[in-house]
């Protein structure tokens, strides 16, 4: 397979870009100028708002798709390269914390239960 140089690719891309952009600007626009009558102002305004909202929606959808691809790539990278290295360390720390919590509960529970029982007894006196 023969490698293609950047200059051979850039010229067709440039021609395609100029063609697409000129065709966009050559389209017939419904907003030809300010409205002559007040009733026509509402239709011009609604047409302009629809065009703005369509443009915003289109750009939002494209941005959403772009960021979704980035998120998928990050998830894949995390799961493939990082998680299997981090997971054992997290498991060790979690087990250590669990043992400390169990010991703390065993030590403090009788005192807490007795204090709670004394408060209940004093409530009914």
C-alpha atoms as a PDB file:
ATOM      1  CA  UNK A   1       0.000   0.000   0.000  1.00  0.00           C
ATOM      2  CA  UNK A   2       1.389   3.332  -1.043  1.00  0.00           C
ATOM      3  CA  UNK A   3       1.397   6.249   1.406  1.00  0.00           C
ATOM      4  CA  UNK A   4      -0.527   9.353   0.374  1.00  0.00           C
ATOM      5  CA  UNK A   5       1.156  12.677   1.028  1.00  0.00           C
ATOM      6  CA  UNK A   6      -0.603  15.442   2.904  1.00  0.00           C
ATOM      7  CA  UNK A   7      -0.486  17.835  -0.046  1.00  0.00           C
ATOM      8  CA  UNK A   8      -2.398  15.364  -2.247  1.00  0.00           C
ATOM      9  CA  UNK A   9      -5.149  15.151   0.368  1.00  0.00           C
ATOM     10  CA  UNK A  10      -5.299  18.837   1.277  1.00  0.00           C
ATOM     11  CA  UNK A  11      -6.172  20.103  -2.221  1.00  0.00           C
ATOM     12  CA  UNK A  12      -9.364  17.986  -2.602  1.00  0.00           C
ATOM     13  CA  UNK A  13     -10.374  18.873   0.957  1.00  0.00           C
ATOM     14  CA  UNK A  14      -9.883  22.573   0.189  1.00  0.00           C
ATOM     15  CA  UNK A  15     -11.974  22.303  -2.989  1.00  0.00           C
ATOM     16  CA  UNK A  16     -14.696  20.411  -1.126  1.00  0.00           C
ATOM     17  CA  UNK A  17     -14.743  22.996   1.678  1.00  0.00           C
ATOM     18  CA  UNK A  18     -15.034  25.933  -0.711  1.00  0.00           C
ATOM     19  CA  UNK A  19     -17.797  24.174  -2.682  1.00  0.00           C
ATOM     20  CA  UNK A  20     -19.844  23.364   0.405  1.00  0.00           C
ATOM     21  CA  UNK A  21     -19.453  26.803   1.958  1.00  0.00           C
ATOM     22  CA  UNK A  22     -20.377  28.592  -1.282  1.00  0.00           C
ATOM     23  CA  UNK A  23     -23.445  26.400  -1.727  1.00  0.00           C
ATOM     24  CA  UNK A  24     -24.561  27.262   1.808  1.00  0.00           C
ATOM     25  CA  UNK A  25     -24.292  30.993   1.157  1.00  0.00           C
ATOM     26  CA  UNK A  26     -25.963  30.675  -2.253  1.00  0.00           C
ATOM     27  CA  UNK A  27     -29.195  29.282  -0.764  1.00  0.00           C
ATOM     28  CA  UNK A  28     -32.333  31.389  -0.987  1.00  0.00           C
ATOM     29  CA  UNK A  29     -32.991  33.094   2.329  1.00  0.00           C
ATOM     30  CA  UNK A  30     -36.524  33.824   3.492  1.00  0.00           C
ATOM     31  CA  UNK A  31     -35.340  36.860   5.447  1.00  0.00           C
ATOM     32  CA  UNK A  32     -34.804  39.334   2.643  1.00  0.00           C
ATOM     33  CA  UNK A  33     -34.951  42.455   4.786  1.00  0.00           C
ATOM     34  CA  UNK A  34     -36.979  44.217   7.421  1.00  0.00           C
ATOM     35  CA  UNK A  35     -40.756  43.673   7.264  1.00  0.00           C
ATOM     36  CA  UNK A  36     -42.891  46.347   5.630  1.00  0.00           C
ATOM     37  CA  UNK A  37     -45.974  45.770   7.786  1.00  0.00           C
ATOM     38  CA  UNK A  38     -46.424  44.974  11.450  1.00  0.00           C
ATOM     39  CA  UNK A  39     -48.293  41.717  10.771  1.00  0.00           C
ATOM     40  CA  UNK A  40     -45.443  40.472   8.598  1.00  0.00           C
ATOM     41  CA  UNK A  41     -43.060  41.109  11.497  1.00  0.00           C
ATOM     42  CA  UNK A  42     -44.495  38.109  13.397  1.00  0.00           C
ATOM     43  CA  UNK A  43     -43.855  35.694  10.557  1.00  0.00           C
ATOM     44  CA  UNK A  44     -40.349  37.045   9.987  1.00  0.00           C
ATOM     45  CA  UNK A  45     -39.614  36.827  13.718  1.00  0.00           C
ATOM     46  CA  UNK A  46     -40.949  33.306  14.029  1.00  0.00           C
ATOM     47  CA  UNK A  47     -38.999  32.233  10.946  1.00  0.00           C
ATOM     48  CA  UNK A  48     -35.819  33.723  12.392  1.00  0.00           C
ATOM     49  CA  UNK A  49     -36.418  32.067  15.775  1.00  0.00           C
ATOM     50  CA  UNK A  50     -37.062  28.705  14.131  1.00  0.00           C
ATOM     51  CA  UNK A  51     -33.828  29.028  12.159  1.00  0.00           C
ATOM     52  CA  UNK A  52     -31.898  29.951  15.313  1.00  0.00           C
ATOM     53  CA  UNK A  53     -33.367  27.068  17.305  1.00  0.00           C
ATOM     54  CA  UNK A  54     -32.697  24.604  14.494  1.00  0.00           C
ATOM     55  CA  UNK A  55     -29.085  25.769  14.304  1.00  0.00           C
ATOM     56  CA  UNK A  56     -28.695  25.497  18.075  1.00  0.00           C
ATOM     57  CA  UNK A  57     -30.295  22.049  18.089  1.00  0.00           C
ATOM     58  CA  UNK A  58     -28.063  20.835  15.280  1.00  0.00           C
ATOM     59  CA  UNK A  59     -24.911  22.132  16.949  1.00  0.00           C
ATOM     60  CA  UNK A  60     -26.042  20.657  20.289  1.00  0.00           C
ATOM     61  CA  UNK A  61     -26.606  17.230  18.728  1.00  0.00           C
ATOM     62  CA  UNK A  62     -23.204  17.308  17.045  1.00  0.00           C
ATOM     63  CA  UNK A  63     -21.508  18.415  20.273  1.00  0.00           C
ATOM     64  CA  UNK A  64     -23.339  15.729  22.208  1.00  0.00           C
ATOM     65  CA  UNK A  65     -22.196  13.052  19.767  1.00  0.00           C
ATOM     66  CA  UNK A  66     -18.622  14.371  19.931  1.00  0.00           C
ATOM     67  CA  UNK A  67     -18.509  14.350  23.737  1.00  0.00           C
ATOM     68  CA  UNK A  68     -20.177  10.925  23.828  1.00  0.00           C
ATOM     69  CA  UNK A  69     -17.321   9.579  21.699  1.00  0.00           C
ATOM     70  CA  UNK A  70     -14.798  11.164  24.075  1.00  0.00           C
ATOM     71  CA  UNK A  71     -16.584   9.646  27.078  1.00  0.00           C
ATOM     72  CA  UNK A  72     -16.655   6.216  25.445  1.00  0.00           C
ATOM     73  CA  UNK A  73     -12.934   6.480  24.708  1.00  0.00           C
ATOM     74  CA  UNK A  74     -12.205   7.491  28.319  1.00  0.00           C
ATOM     75  CA  UNK A  75     -14.287   4.603  29.682  1.00  0.00           C
ATOM     76  CA  UNK A  76     -12.534   2.163  27.374  1.00  0.00           C
ATOM     77  CA  UNK A  77      -9.104   3.497  28.349  1.00  0.00           C
ATOM     78  CA  UNK A  78      -9.982   3.381  32.048  1.00  0.00           C
ATOM     79  CA  UNK A  79     -11.326  -0.173  31.865  1.00  0.00           C
ATOM     80  CA  UNK A  80      -8.494  -1.444  29.676  1.00  0.00           C
ATOM     81  CA  UNK A  81      -5.391   0.135  31.161  1.00  0.00           C
ATOM     82  CA  UNK A  82      -6.061   1.679  34.558  1.00  0.00           C
ATOM     83  CA  UNK A  83      -8.785  -0.200  36.439  1.00  0.00           C
ATOM     84  CA  UNK A  84      -6.981  -3.549  36.673  1.00  0.00           C
ATOM     85  CA  UNK A  85      -4.013  -1.751  38.267  1.00  0.00           C
ATOM     86  CA  UNK A  86      -6.101   0.327  40.694  1.00  0.00           C
ATOM     87  CA  UNK A  87      -8.683  -2.293  41.684  1.00  0.00           C
ATOM     88  CA  UNK A  88      -6.410  -4.504  43.870  1.00  0.00           C
ATOM     89  CA  UNK A  89      -5.184  -1.475  45.816  1.00  0.00           C
ATOM     90  CA  UNK A  90      -8.742  -0.307  46.400  1.00  0.00           C
ATOM     91  CA  UNK A  91      -9.700  -3.800  47.543  1.00  0.00           C
ATOM     92  CA  UNK A  92      -6.826  -3.889  50.047  1.00  0.00           C
ATOM     93  CA  UNK A  93      -7.714  -0.470  51.456  1.00  0.00           C
ATOM     94  CA  UNK A  94     -11.397  -1.382  51.628  1.00  0.00           C
ATOM     95  CA  UNK A  95     -10.636  -4.574  53.542  1.00  0.00           C
ATOM     96  CA  UNK A  96      -8.388  -2.676  55.976  1.00  0.00           C
ATOM     97  CA  UNK A  97     -11.083  -0.018  56.557  1.00  0.00           C
ATOM     98  CA  UNK A  98     -13.737  -2.707  57.018  1.00  0.00           C
ATOM     99  CA  UNK A  99     -11.663  -4.450  59.712  1.00  0.00           C
ATOM    100  CA  UNK A 100     -11.094  -1.147  61.534  1.00  0.00           C
ATOM    101  CA  UNK A 101     -14.811  -0.356  61.433  1.00  0.00           C
ATOM    102  CA  UNK A 102     -15.769  -3.807  62.765  1.00  0.00           C
ATOM    103  CA  UNK A 103     -13.298  -3.448  65.649  1.00  0.00           C
ATOM    104  CA  UNK A 104     -14.593   0.047  66.409  1.00  0.00           C
ATOM    105  CA  UNK A 105     -18.197  -1.139  66.410  1.00  0.00           C
ATOM    106  CA  UNK A 106     -17.384  -4.098  68.670  1.00  0.00           C
ATOM    107  CA  UNK A 107     -15.635  -1.765  71.092  1.00  0.00           C
ATOM    108  CA  UNK A 108     -18.211   1.068  71.093  1.00  0.00           C
ATOM    109  CA  UNK A 109     -21.489  -0.824  70.681  1.00  0.00           C
ATOM    110  CA  UNK A 110     -21.895  -2.027  74.288  1.00  0.00           C
ATOM    111  CA  UNK A 111     -21.309   1.486  75.612  1.00  0.00           C
ATOM    112  CA  UNK A 112     -23.672   3.027  73.071  1.00  0.00           C
ATOM    113  CA  UNK A 113     -26.339   0.409  73.710  1.00  0.00           C
ATOM    114  CA  UNK A 114     -26.070   0.892  77.506  1.00  0.00           C
ATOM    115  CA  UNK A 115     -26.325   4.683  77.168  1.00  0.00           C
ATOM    116  CA  UNK A 116     -29.332   4.290  74.885  1.00  0.00           C
ATOM    117  CA  UNK A 117     -30.966   1.858  77.328  1.00  0.00           C
ATOM    118  CA  UNK A 118     -30.407   4.279  80.247  1.00  0.00           C
ATOM    119  CA  UNK A 119     -32.071   7.083  78.263  1.00  0.00           C
ATOM    120  CA  UNK A 120     -35.068   4.896  77.484  1.00  0.00           C
ATOM    121  CA  UNK A 121     -35.398   3.899  81.159  1.00  0.00           C
ATOM    122  CA  UNK A 122     -35.217   7.516  82.249  1.00  0.00           C
ATOM    123  CA  UNK A 123     -37.872   8.448  79.692  1.00  0.00           C
ATOM    124  CA  UNK A 124     -40.408   6.046  81.253  1.00  0.00           C
ATOM    125  CA  UNK A 125     -39.723   7.041  84.909  1.00  0.00           C
END
